[in-house]
Amino acid sequence: MLNTLDNDGVRTLHFGSAAVQGAMRIDQPDDIELEYVQQMMMWLLFRGEAAHIAQLGLGAAALTKFCYRRLAPAKVTAVELDAEVVDVCRSHFALPPDDERLSVLNMNALDYVMDFSRRRSIDVLQVDLYDAQAKGPLLSTDAFYAACANCLTAKGMMTVNLYCDWPDHLHHIQMMANAFDAVAWLPEVHDGNMVAIAFKQSPSVDFDDLYARAAEIRATLGLPAETWVEGLHSWMSHDTESF
């Protein structure tokens, strides 16, 4: 059962439990409210634009709306299994109707990425797949991540929200690493989410360039991109695991 709650100007989406499945500031419906959802946009550090962006898991439609409103002329596709989630996003979370740039598909995310017709058709995938219990990412398997990689263009990228206990984070990251050329991740945020980014082709990393790009992202899109660069720098400097 879906329900929404309004508190201090923020509307949250719940799947019949206390777990927050998405949020929207009511007077700024096209902005991204939650920190980890903002981090799902960190692919912007490595490419300024994308022709086709796809979200697997709609949540409260924050990523879908942001990409559609702020990253024109990109085509935006959102894949959501639960038709009720789509309806609630349209009625309570300001998700616009489909048009020539926006397509919201009511289907299984695995079926979407396994469809051979989508091979090399997506520049950026944003994966945030959870059920009501939110005990760990759904569809997190070697086969799923391989299919995601196959959907991406040559320099495509995927960001994934990992909400699980720490020993399990590296298990999911290793499966991504089996399918992608490089994987990195940001430190866990206060609400327990950790966001990873996977690259079809390993990028050249110059932190001066990344900080300059982060300043541009903050100025033009209002996202705290400098914190993403700091997180990546911390990962490269201190993490003992590399893939």
C-alpha atoms as a PDB file:
ATOM      1  CA  MET A   1       0.000   0.000   0.000  1.00  0.00           C
ATOM      2  CA  LEU A   2       1.410   3.381  -1.013  1.00  0.00           C
ATOM      3  CA  ASN A   3       1.104   6.442   1.161  1.00  0.00           C
ATOM      4  CA  THR A   4       2.491   9.980   1.205  1.00  0.00           C
ATOM      5  CA  LEU A   5       3.318  12.227   4.145  1.00  0.00           C
ATOM      6  CA  ASP A   6       3.767  16.010   4.227  1.00  0.00           C
ATOM      7  CA  ASN A   7       6.070  17.446   6.886  1.00  0.00           C
ATOM      8  CA  ASP A   8       7.816  20.837   7.035  1.00  0.00           C
ATOM      9  CA  GLY A   9       7.229  21.492   3.363  1.00  0.00           C
ATOM     10  CA  VAL A  10       8.525  18.099   2.197  1.00  0.00           C
ATOM     11  CA  ARG A  11       6.343  15.330   0.793  1.00  0.00           C
ATOM     12  CA  THR A  12       7.644  11.772   1.155  1.00  0.00           C
ATOM     13  CA  LEU A  13       6.625   8.542  -0.533  1.00  0.00           C
ATOM     14  CA  HIS A  14       6.300   5.278   1.402  1.00  0.00           C
ATOM     15  CA  PHE A  15       5.484   1.732   0.330  1.00  0.00           C
ATOM     16  CA  GLY A  16       3.407   0.975   3.421  1.00  0.00           C
ATOM     17  CA  SER A  17       6.391   1.179   5.773  1.00  0.00           C
ATOM     18  CA  ALA A  18       8.545   3.810   7.470  1.00  0.00           C
ATOM     19  CA  ALA A  19      11.201   3.557   4.754  1.00  0.00           C
ATOM     20  CA  VAL A  20      11.313   6.696   2.611  1.00  0.00           C
ATOM     21  CA  GLN A  21      11.129   5.765  -1.063  1.00  0.00           C
ATOM     22  CA  GLY A  22      11.385   9.336  -2.320  1.00  0.00           C
ATOM     23  CA  ALA A  23      10.866  12.962  -1.379  1.00  0.00           C
ATOM     24  CA  MET A  24       9.902  16.305  -2.904  1.00  0.00           C
ATOM     25  CA  ARG A  25      10.026  19.835  -1.530  1.00  0.00           C
ATOM     26  CA  ILE A  26       6.505  20.963  -2.280  1.00  0.00           C
ATOM     27  CA  ASP A  27       7.390  24.505  -3.369  1.00  0.00           C
ATOM     28  CA  GLN A  28      10.346  23.285  -5.492  1.00  0.00           C
ATOM     29  CA  PRO A  29       8.969  20.130  -7.120  1.00  0.00           C
ATOM     30  CA  ASP A  30      11.625  19.808  -9.824  1.00  0.00           C
ATOM     31  CA  ASP A  31      14.612  19.995  -7.453  1.00  0.00           C
ATOM     32  CA  ILE A  32      16.241  16.910  -5.919  1.00  0.00           C
ATOM     33  CA  GLU A  33      15.615  16.887  -2.167  1.00  0.00           C
ATOM     34  CA  LEU A  34      17.536  13.862  -0.848  1.00  0.00           C
ATOM     35  CA  GLU A  35      21.338  13.846  -0.734  1.00  0.00           C
ATOM     36  CA  TYR A  36      21.827  10.347  -2.101  1.00  0.00           C
ATOM     37  CA  VAL A  37      19.486  11.095  -5.008  1.00  0.00           C
ATOM     38  CA  GLN A  38      21.576  14.167  -5.798  1.00  0.00           C
ATOM     39  CA  GLN A  39      24.624  11.888  -5.811  1.00  0.00           C
ATOM     40  CA  MET A  40      22.966   9.750  -8.476  1.00  0.00           C
ATOM     41  CA  MET A  41      23.708  12.697 -10.785  1.00  0.00           C
ATOM     42  CA  MET A  42      27.488  12.474 -10.282  1.00  0.00           C
ATOM     43  CA  TRP A  43      27.906  11.180 -13.822  1.00  0.00           C
ATOM     44  CA  LEU A  44      27.675  14.865 -14.780  1.00  0.00           C
ATOM     45  CA  LEU A  45      31.254  15.230 -13.553  1.00  0.00           C
ATOM     46  CA  PHE A  46      32.419  13.069 -16.445  1.00  0.00           C
ATOM     47  CA  ARG A  47      30.184  14.212 -19.302  1.00  0.00           C
ATOM     48  CA  GLY A  48      28.340  17.441 -19.859  1.00  0.00           C
ATOM     49  CA  GLU A  49      25.358  16.004 -21.684  1.00  0.00           C
ATOM     50  CA  ALA A  50      23.636  12.757 -22.571  1.00  0.00           C
ATOM     51  CA  ALA A  51      21.254  11.991 -25.414  1.00  0.00           C
ATOM     52  CA  HIS A  52      19.338   9.282 -23.521  1.00  0.00           C
ATOM     53  CA  ILE A  53      19.065   8.914 -19.736  1.00  0.00           C
ATOM     54  CA  ALA A  54      17.117   6.057 -18.146  1.00  0.00           C
ATOM     55  CA  GLN A  55      16.008   5.488 -14.569  1.00  0.00           C
ATOM     56  CA  LEU A  56      15.290   1.974 -13.330  1.00  0.00           C
ATOM     57  CA  GLY A  57      12.913   2.453 -10.421  1.00  0.00           C
ATOM     58  CA  LEU A  58      10.841   5.634 -10.355  1.00  0.00           C
ATOM     59  CA  GLY A  59      10.661   6.343  -6.622  1.00  0.00           C
ATOM     60  CA  ALA A  60       9.129   9.803  -6.242  1.00  0.00           C
ATOM     61  CA  ALA A  61      10.335  10.701  -9.757  1.00  0.00           C
ATOM     62  CA  ALA A  62      13.015  13.136  -8.543  1.00  0.00           C
ATOM     63  CA  LEU A  63      15.659  12.001 -11.039  1.00  0.00           C
ATOM     64  CA  THR A  64      13.180  11.690 -13.876  1.00  0.00           C
ATOM     65  CA  LYS A  65      11.816  15.197 -13.359  1.00  0.00           C
ATOM     66  CA  PHE A  66      15.244  16.761 -12.880  1.00  0.00           C
ATOM     67  CA  CYS A  67      16.710  15.201 -16.010  1.00  0.00           C
ATOM     68  CA  TYR A  68      13.618  16.087 -18.025  1.00  0.00           C
ATOM     69  CA  ARG A  69      13.379  19.690 -16.817  1.00  0.00           C
ATOM     70  CA  ARG A  70      17.060  20.591 -16.547  1.00  0.00           C
ATOM     71  CA  LEU A  71      18.909  18.499 -19.138  1.00  0.00           C
ATOM     72  CA  ALA A  72      17.020  19.230 -22.347  1.00  0.00           C
ATOM     73  CA  PRO A  73      17.153  18.061 -25.078  1.00  0.00           C
ATOM     74  CA  ALA A  74      17.973  14.670 -23.510  1.00  0.00           C
ATOM     75  CA  LYS A  75      15.457  11.873 -23.925  1.00  0.00           C
ATOM     76  CA  VAL A  76      14.415  10.531 -20.502  1.00  0.00           C
ATOM     77  CA  THR A  77      12.995   7.051 -19.872  1.00  0.00           C
ATOM     78  CA  ALA A  78      11.784   5.810 -16.480  1.00  0.00           C
ATOM     79  CA  VAL A  79      11.020   2.135 -15.847  1.00  0.00           C
ATOM     80  CA  GLU A  80       8.685   1.255 -12.968  1.00  0.00           C
ATOM     81  CA  LEU A  81       7.065  -2.104 -12.237  1.00  0.00           C
ATOM     82  CA  ASP A  82       4.262  -0.788 -10.012  1.00  0.00           C
ATOM     83  CA  ALA A  83       1.610   1.151 -11.947  1.00  0.00           C
ATOM     84  CA  GLU A  84       0.361   2.660  -8.679  1.00  0.00           C
ATOM     85  CA  VAL A  85       3.753   4.309  -8.148  1.00  0.00           C
ATOM     86  CA  VAL A  86       3.466   5.957 -11.559  1.00  0.00           C
ATOM     87  CA  ASP A  87      -0.045   7.172 -10.745  1.00  0.00           C
ATOM     88  CA  VAL A  88       1.027   8.610  -7.380  1.00  0.00           C
ATOM     89  CA  CYS A  89       4.020  10.353  -8.952  1.00  0.00           C
ATOM     90  CA  ARG A  90       1.708  11.984 -11.467  1.00  0.00           C
ATOM     91  CA  SER A  91      -0.917  12.997  -8.881  1.00  0.00           C
ATOM     92  CA  HIS A  92       1.295  13.917  -5.895  1.00  0.00           C
ATOM     93  CA  PHE A  93       4.879  14.436  -7.128  1.00  0.00           C
ATOM     94  CA  ALA A  94       4.457  16.630 -10.228  1.00  0.00           C
ATOM     95  CA  LEU A  95       5.622  14.023 -12.745  1.00  0.00           C
ATOM     96  CA  PRO A  96       4.678  15.468 -16.150  1.00  0.00           C
ATOM     97  CA  PRO A  97       2.868  13.453 -18.825  1.00  0.00           C
ATOM     98  CA  ASP A  98       4.798  11.549 -21.458  1.00  0.00           C
ATOM     99  CA  ASP A  99       5.835  13.412 -24.578  1.00  0.00           C
ATOM    100  CA  GLU A 100       8.481  13.181 -27.297  1.00  0.00           C
ATOM    101  CA  ARG A 101      11.263  13.436 -24.672  1.00  0.00           C
ATOM    102  CA  LEU A 102       9.741  11.672 -21.658  1.00  0.00           C
ATOM    103  CA  SER A 103       8.623   8.057 -21.525  1.00  0.00           C
ATOM    104  CA  VAL A 104       7.504   6.280 -18.337  1.00  0.00           C
ATOM    105  CA  LEU A 105       7.266   2.518 -18.865  1.00  0.00           C
ATOM    106  CA  ASN A 106       5.260   0.230 -16.581  1.00  0.00           C
ATOM    107  CA  MET A 107       7.419  -2.889 -16.782  1.00  0.00           C
ATOM    108  CA  ASN A 108      10.069  -4.983 -15.060  1.00  0.00           C
ATOM    109  CA  ALA A 109      13.510  -3.352 -15.106  1.00  0.00           C
ATOM    110  CA  LEU A 110      15.178  -6.692 -15.857  1.00  0.00           C
ATOM    111  CA  ASP A 111      13.010  -7.177 -18.940  1.00  0.00           C
ATOM    112  CA  TYR A 112      13.894  -3.652 -20.013  1.00  0.00           C
ATOM    113  CA  VAL A 113      17.666  -4.124 -19.913  1.00  0.00           C
ATOM    114  CA  MET A 114      17.528  -7.675 -21.298  1.00  0.00           C
ATOM    115  CA  ASP A 115      15.766  -6.487 -24.460  1.00  0.00           C
ATOM    116  CA  PHE A 116      18.367  -6.785 -27.224  1.00  0.00           C
ATOM    117  CA  SER A 117      16.823  -3.862 -29.116  1.00  0.00           C
ATOM    118  CA  ARG A 118      18.133  -1.538 -26.380  1.00  0.00           C
ATOM    119  CA  ARG A 119      21.753  -2.595 -26.870  1.00  0.00           C
ATOM    120  CA  ARG A 120      24.049   0.474 -26.896  1.00  0.00           C
ATOM    121  CA  SER A 121      21.059   2.848 -26.842  1.00  0.00           C
ATOM    122  CA  ILE A 122      21.436   4.545 -23.429  1.00  0.00           C
ATOM    123  CA  ASP A 123      24.106   7.000 -22.314  1.00  0.00           C
ATOM    124  CA  VAL A 124      23.334   7.003 -18.585  1.00  0.00           C
ATOM    125  CA  LEU A 125      21.499   4.494 -16.384  1.00  0.00           C
ATOM    126  CA  GLN A 126      20.351   5.427 -12.871  1.00  0.00           C
ATOM    127  CA  VAL A 127      19.405   2.355 -10.841  1.00  0.00           C
ATOM    128  CA  ASP A 128      17.411   2.600  -7.598  1.00  0.00           C
ATOM    129  CA  LEU A 129      15.389  -0.589  -7.162  1.00  0.00           C
ATOM    130  CA  TYR A 130      13.864  -1.451  -3.770  1.00  0.00           C
ATOM    131  CA  ASP A 131      10.706  -3.014  -2.384  1.00  0.00           C
ATOM    132  CA  ALA A 132       8.709  -1.964   0.687  1.00  0.00           C
ATOM    133  CA  GLN A 133      11.179  -3.543   3.113  1.00  0.00           C
ATOM    134  CA  ALA A 134      14.195  -1.842   1.456  1.00  0.00           C
ATOM    135  CA  LYS A 135      16.475  -4.599   2.771  1.00  0.00           C
ATOM    136  CA  GLY A 136      18.831  -4.475  -0.198  1.00  0.00           C
ATOM    137  CA  PRO A 137      18.925  -3.626  -3.900  1.00  0.00           C
ATOM    138  CA  LEU A 138      16.644  -5.725  -6.078  1.00  0.00           C
ATOM    139  CA  LEU A 139      17.945  -7.401  -9.257  1.00  0.00           C
ATOM    140  CA  SER A 140      21.550  -7.019  -8.066  1.00  0.00           C
ATOM    141  CA  THR A 141      23.091  -9.959  -9.941  1.00  0.00           C
ATOM    142  CA  ASP A 142      25.919 -10.515 -12.401  1.00  0.00           C
ATOM    143  CA  ALA A 143      23.386 -11.068 -15.190  1.00  0.00           C
ATOM    144  CA  PHE A 144      21.547  -7.836 -14.414  1.00  0.00           C
ATOM    145  CA  TYR A 145      24.666  -5.672 -14.387  1.00  0.00           C
ATOM    146  CA  ALA A 146      25.940  -7.323 -17.562  1.00  0.00           C
ATOM    147  CA  ALA A 147      22.630  -6.473 -19.234  1.00  0.00           C
ATOM    148  CA  CYS A 148      22.889  -2.889 -17.973  1.00  0.00           C
ATOM    149  CA  ALA A 149      26.368  -2.600 -19.472  1.00  0.00           C
ATOM    150  CA  ASN A 150      25.112  -3.955 -22.788  1.00  0.00           C
ATOM    151  CA  CYS A 151      22.425  -1.245 -22.902  1.00  0.00           C
ATOM    152  CA  LEU A 152      24.980   1.529 -22.577  1.00  0.00           C
ATOM    153  CA  THR A 153      26.813   3.353 -25.331  1.00  0.00           C
ATOM    154  CA  ALA A 154      30.605   3.024 -25.583  1.00  0.00           C
ATOM    155  CA  LYS A 155      31.299   5.699 -22.950  1.00  0.00           C
ATOM    156  CA  GLY A 156      28.107   5.094 -20.996  1.00  0.00           C
ATOM    157  CA  MET A 157      27.833   5.222 -17.204  1.00  0.00           C
ATOM    158  CA  MET A 158      25.585   3.778 -14.520  1.00  0.00           C
ATOM    159  CA  THR A 159      24.896   5.110 -11.030  1.00  0.00           C
ATOM    160  CA  VAL A 160      23.408   2.749  -8.434  1.00  0.00           C
ATOM    161  CA  ASN A 161      21.943   3.388  -5.000  1.00  0.00           C
ATOM    162  CA  LEU A 162      23.165   0.783  -2.516  1.00  0.00           C
ATOM    163  CA  TYR A 163      21.128   0.728   0.676  1.00  0.00           C
ATOM    164  CA  CYS A 164      22.324  -2.292   2.615  1.00  0.00           C
ATOM    165  CA  ASP A 165      24.656  -3.357   5.404  1.00  0.00           C
ATOM    166  CA  TRP A 166      28.320  -2.529   4.804  1.00  0.00           C
ATOM    167  CA  PRO A 167      29.600  -6.103   4.240  1.00  0.00           C
ATOM    168  CA  ASP A 168      27.115  -6.370   1.369  1.00  0.00           C
ATOM    169  CA  HIS A 169      28.223  -3.168  -0.368  1.00  0.00           C
ATOM    170  CA  LEU A 170      31.409  -4.694  -1.716  1.00  0.00           C
ATOM    171  CA  HIS A 171      29.530  -7.769  -2.911  1.00  0.00           C
ATOM    172  CA  HIS A 172      27.291  -5.604  -5.097  1.00  0.00           C
ATOM    173  CA  ILE A 173      30.227  -3.476  -6.249  1.00  0.00           C
ATOM    174  CA  GLN A 174      32.185  -6.577  -7.261  1.00  0.00           C
ATOM    175  CA  MET A 175      29.296  -7.697  -9.468  1.00  0.00           C
ATOM    176  CA  MET A 176      29.311  -4.283 -11.143  1.00  0.00           C
ATOM    177  CA  ALA A 177      33.058  -4.545 -11.613  1.00  0.00           C
ATOM    178  CA  ASN A 178      32.591  -7.868 -13.398  1.00  0.00           C
ATOM    179  CA  ALA A 179      30.538  -6.086 -16.078  1.00  0.00           C
ATOM    180  CA  PHE A 180      32.141  -2.627 -16.228  1.00  0.00           C
ATOM    181  CA  ASP A 181      35.619  -1.282 -16.929  1.00  0.00           C
ATOM    182  CA  ALA A 182      35.764   0.742 -13.697  1.00  0.00           C
ATOM    183  CA  VAL A 183      33.663   1.290 -10.566  1.00  0.00           C
ATOM    184  CA  ALA A 184      33.928   3.960  -7.862  1.00  0.00           C
ATOM    185  CA  TRP A 185      31.690   4.989  -4.985  1.00  0.00           C
ATOM    186  CA  LEU A 186      31.005   7.830  -2.596  1.00  0.00           C
ATOM    187  CA  PRO A 187      31.030   7.607   1.208  1.00  0.00           C
ATOM    188  CA  GLU A 188      27.794   6.476   2.800  1.00  0.00           C
ATOM    189  CA  VAL A 189      25.480   9.386   3.602  1.00  0.00           C
ATOM    190  CA  HIS A 190      23.708   9.917   6.910  1.00  0.00           C
ATOM    191  CA  ASP A 191      20.587   7.985   5.907  1.00  0.00           C
ATOM    192  CA  GLY A 192      22.575   4.836   5.084  1.00  0.00           C
ATOM    193  CA  ASN A 193      22.634   5.069   1.301  1.00  0.00           C
ATOM    194  CA  MET A 194      25.837   4.684  -0.690  1.00  0.00           C
ATOM    195  CA  VAL A 195      25.996   5.564  -4.386  1.00  0.00           C
ATOM    196  CA  ALA A 196      28.330   3.816  -6.813  1.00  0.00           C
ATOM    197  CA  ILE A 197      29.214   4.808 -10.363  1.00  0.00           C
ATOM    198  CA  ALA A 198      30.217   2.287 -13.026  1.00  0.00           C
ATOM    199  CA  PHE A 199      31.959   3.195 -16.277  1.00  0.00           C
ATOM    200  CA  LYS A 200      31.686   1.283 -19.537  1.00  0.00           C
ATOM    201  CA  GLN A 201      35.074   2.813 -20.374  1.00  0.00           C
ATOM    202  CA  SER A 202      37.428   3.840 -17.574  1.00  0.00           C
ATOM    203  CA  PRO A 203      37.688   7.653 -17.445  1.00  0.00           C
ATOM    204  CA  SER A 204      40.785   9.784 -17.244  1.00  0.00           C
ATOM    205  CA  VAL A 205      40.629  11.460 -13.836  1.00  0.00           C
ATOM    206  CA  ASP A 206      42.124  14.905 -13.225  1.00  0.00           C
ATOM    207  CA  PHE A 207      40.864  16.335  -9.959  1.00  0.00           C
ATOM    208  CA  ASP A 208      41.502  19.937 -10.969  1.00  0.00           C
ATOM    209  CA  ASP A 209      39.230  19.356 -13.964  1.00  0.00           C
ATOM    210  CA  LEU A 210      36.648  17.617 -11.774  1.00  0.00           C
ATOM    211  CA  TYR A 211      36.541  20.505  -9.303  1.00  0.00           C
ATOM    212  CA  ALA A 212      36.140  22.977 -12.167  1.00  0.00           C
ATOM    213  CA  ARG A 213      33.329  20.883 -13.590  1.00  0.00           C
ATOM    214  CA  ALA A 214      31.756  20.607 -10.122  1.00  0.00           C
ATOM    215  CA  ALA A 215      31.692  24.394  -9.773  1.00  0.00           C
ATOM    216  CA  GLU A 216      29.942  24.634 -13.132  1.00  0.00           C
ATOM    217  CA  ILE A 217      27.362  22.028 -12.070  1.00  0.00           C
ATOM    218  CA  ARG A 218      26.635  23.914  -8.854  1.00  0.00           C
ATOM    219  CA  ALA A 219      26.299  27.217 -10.715  1.00  0.00           C
ATOM    220  CA  THR A 220      24.037  25.909 -13.469  1.00  0.00           C
ATOM    221  CA  LEU A 221      22.090  23.088 -11.794  1.00  0.00           C
ATOM    222  CA  GLY A 222      22.295  23.856  -8.079  1.00  0.00           C
ATOM    223  CA  LEU A 223      23.750  20.465  -7.153  1.00  0.00           C
ATOM    224  CA  PRO A 224      26.513  20.129  -4.492  1.00  0.00           C
ATOM    225  CA  ALA A 225      28.934  18.541  -6.927  1.00  0.00           C
ATOM    226  CA  GLU A 226      32.087  19.585  -5.056  1.00  0.00           C
ATOM    227  CA  THR A 227      31.142  17.110  -2.331  1.00  0.00           C
ATOM    228  CA  TRP A 228      31.063  14.346  -4.938  1.00  0.00           C
ATOM    229  CA  VAL A 229      34.606  15.187  -6.024  1.00  0.00           C
ATOM    230  CA  GLU A 230      35.716  15.210  -2.396  1.00  0.00           C
ATOM    231  CA  GLY A 231      34.117  11.793  -1.935  1.00  0.00           C
ATOM    232  CA  LEU A 232      35.823  10.384  -5.016  1.00  0.00           C
ATOM    233  CA  HIS A 233      39.155  11.839  -3.898  1.00  0.00           C
ATOM    234  CA  SER A 234      38.732  10.215  -0.497  1.00  0.00           C
ATOM    235  CA  TRP A 235      37.908   6.901  -2.168  1.00  0.00           C
ATOM    236  CA  MET A 236      41.004   7.007  -4.381  1.00  0.00           C
ATOM    237  CA  SER A 237      43.243   8.083  -1.495  1.00  0.00           C
ATOM    238  CA  HIS A 238      42.132   5.726   1.240  1.00  0.00           C
ATOM    239  CA  ASP A 239      40.135   2.772  -0.020  1.00  0.00           C
ATOM    240  CA  THR A 240      42.046  -0.490  -0.049  1.00  0.00           C
ATOM    241  CA  GLU A 241      39.734  -2.155  -2.559  1.00  0.00           C
ATOM    242  CA  SER A 242      40.165  -1.424  -6.262  1.00  0.00           C
ATOM    243  CA  PHE A 243      38.453  -2.863  -9.280  1.00  0.00           C
END
